[in-house]
Amino acid sequence: MSDESTRVAAIAIVVEDTESVEKLNAILHDHADIVIGRMGIPYRERGINVITVAVDAPHDVISALSGKLGELPGVTAKTAYSA
């Protein structure tokens, strides 16, 4: 999907409620066509997970995805866009 109408972005996700993991994975699966890569780090000492997802899509699609993720209970999502 990469072309001049798309942006590359990194979505940083912090999961504090493991009950939301299944829904989070389902949302990411639904957007697999825009995902470049994903890295997840369990931080067992704090009982949280930190996930970074690299995506390539139009700005509005990335924003909608980040918004859906951030609406999940115990999940925070922030996006950094390429220039």
Protein backbone atom coordinates (compact mmCIF):
# COMPACT_ATOMS: atom_id res chain seq x y z
CA MET A 1 0.00 0.00 0.00
CA SER A 2 3.00 2.31 0.18
CA ASP A 3 2.95 5.34 -2.09
CA GLU A 4 2.97 9.10 -1.71
CA SER A 5 -0.55 9.17 -0.24
CA THR A 6 0.48 7.04 2.73
CA ARG A 7 2.54 7.75 5.82
CA VAL A 8 4.84 5.54 7.82
CA ALA A 9 4.16 5.66 11.54
CA ALA A 10 4.98 3.85 14.76
CA ILE A 11 2.16 3.18 17.19
CA ALA A 12 3.38 2.75 20.77
CA ILE A 13 0.96 0.70 22.85
CA VAL A 14 1.04 0.11 26.60
CA VAL A 15 -1.24 -2.67 27.85
CA GLU A 16 -2.03 -2.57 31.56
CA ASP A 17 -5.15 -4.77 31.42
CA THR A 18 -4.44 -8.22 30.01
CA GLU A 19 -8.19 -8.75 29.52
CA SER A 20 -7.86 -6.42 26.49
CA VAL A 21 -5.10 -8.39 24.74
CA GLU A 22 -7.45 -10.62 22.73
CA LYS A 23 -9.39 -7.62 21.37
CA LEU A 24 -6.15 -5.73 20.69
CA ASN A 25 -4.77 -8.65 18.67
CA ALA A 26 -8.05 -8.92 16.75
CA ILE A 27 -7.90 -5.23 15.82
CA LEU A 28 -4.28 -5.55 14.67
CA HIS A 29 -5.18 -8.68 12.69
CA ASP A 30 -7.97 -6.74 10.94
CA HIS A 31 -5.33 -4.17 9.89
CA ALA A 32 -2.63 -6.69 8.88
CA ASP A 33 -2.49 -5.22 5.37
CA ILE A 34 -0.95 -1.98 6.71
CA VAL A 35 1.35 -3.48 9.36
CA ILE A 36 5.04 -3.41 8.46
CA GLY A 37 6.16 -5.08 11.68
CA ARG A 38 5.42 -5.51 15.35
CA MET A 39 7.50 -5.87 18.51
CA GLY A 40 6.09 -6.79 21.90
CA ILE A 41 7.94 -6.64 25.20
CA PRO A 42 6.40 -8.08 28.36
CA TYR A 43 7.49 -6.10 31.43
CA ARG A 44 6.71 -8.74 34.04
CA GLU A 45 7.99 -6.72 36.99
CA ARG A 46 5.29 -4.11 36.30
CA GLY A 47 2.67 -6.49 34.93
CA ILE A 48 2.37 -4.60 31.64
CA ASN A 49 3.19 -5.16 27.98
CA VAL A 50 4.79 -2.62 25.66
CA ILE A 51 4.07 -3.09 21.96
CA THR A 52 5.31 -1.10 18.98
CA VAL A 53 3.60 -1.49 15.62
CA ALA A 54 5.08 0.03 12.45
CA VAL A 55 2.45 0.83 9.81
CA ASP A 56 2.22 2.31 6.31
CA ALA A 57 -1.21 3.77 5.45
CA PRO A 58 -3.10 7.00 4.90
CA HIS A 59 -3.09 9.32 7.92
CA ASP A 60 -6.79 8.83 8.62
CA VAL A 61 -6.47 5.03 8.64
CA ILE A 62 -3.54 5.17 11.08
CA SER A 63 -5.39 7.64 13.29
CA ALA A 64 -8.51 5.45 13.33
CA LEU A 65 -6.46 2.37 14.23
CA SER A 66 -4.67 4.17 17.06
CA GLY A 67 -8.02 5.48 18.31
CA LYS A 68 -9.58 2.00 18.33
CA LEU A 69 -6.63 0.62 20.27
CA GLY A 70 -6.71 3.47 22.79
CA GLU A 71 -10.42 2.88 23.48
CA LEU A 72 -9.72 -0.58 24.87
CA PRO A 73 -9.79 -0.77 28.69
CA GLY A 74 -6.30 -0.52 30.17
CA VAL A 75 -4.67 0.28 26.81
CA THR A 76 -2.86 3.49 25.87
CA ALA A 77 -1.82 4.12 22.25
CA LYS A 78 0.21 7.02 20.87
CA THR A 79 1.39 7.51 17.31
CA ALA A 80 4.55 9.07 15.88
CA TYR A 81 4.44 9.86 12.14
CA SER A 82 7.28 10.08 9.63
CA ALA A 83 7.97 13.47 8.06
